[in-house]
Amino acid sequence: MLDWLKQLAFYGIAIAAVWAAIIYIPRFKRVAVSGEYTEITGIDTVKDYPLDATATLATLEHGDGICYQLADDGDMSVRLGWIAGLPGDLLVTDTKGKLTVNGKPVGHGEDIPGPPFGPLVVPAGHFVVVTDRHETDSIKHGPLPVIALKGKIGDIP
């Protein structure tokens, strides 16, 4: 009887360890930014940034830093930006290029060149990401599908 309890305890601990590894190891990933990255002003290109690969649209908030990948990017390409819009959000720009989401100004990114646009409702399963220069973000490519989200980034300016 004692051997049976020892085996049960051992298997219970082993299962708990595997479960914890599955849940927590993706949170310890890091993202390295290349020296040529110019989309975010003041980013440290020699620093690795923590990546929470378990982040989903449901866990993100406006202003969160994220890592994303465009459909035509190679596997090694890293793009960083901030969440500006989530499914159901209403986006509009004014005549000065200021982006507002649900009537509130977005805190990141430079003014958007060109004529005003909107209203645009972010479709289900999509998000809007902004960067400082808008060269590879949703201002140029439109709302991105959830598959483009690689995770939440900490510590970006």
Foldseek 3Di string as FASTA:
>chain_A
DVVVVVVVVVVVVVVVVVVCCVQCVLQADWAAADPPDDQAPPFDRGDIWGFNQVDFLVNDDFFFKFWFDDPPDDPNDTDIFTFHFGAFWWWKAAQQQFIDINNHTRPAEDRDDDGIDDRDGAHHQWTFTHTHVRPPTCVVVNTGGRVRTRGTTPDGD
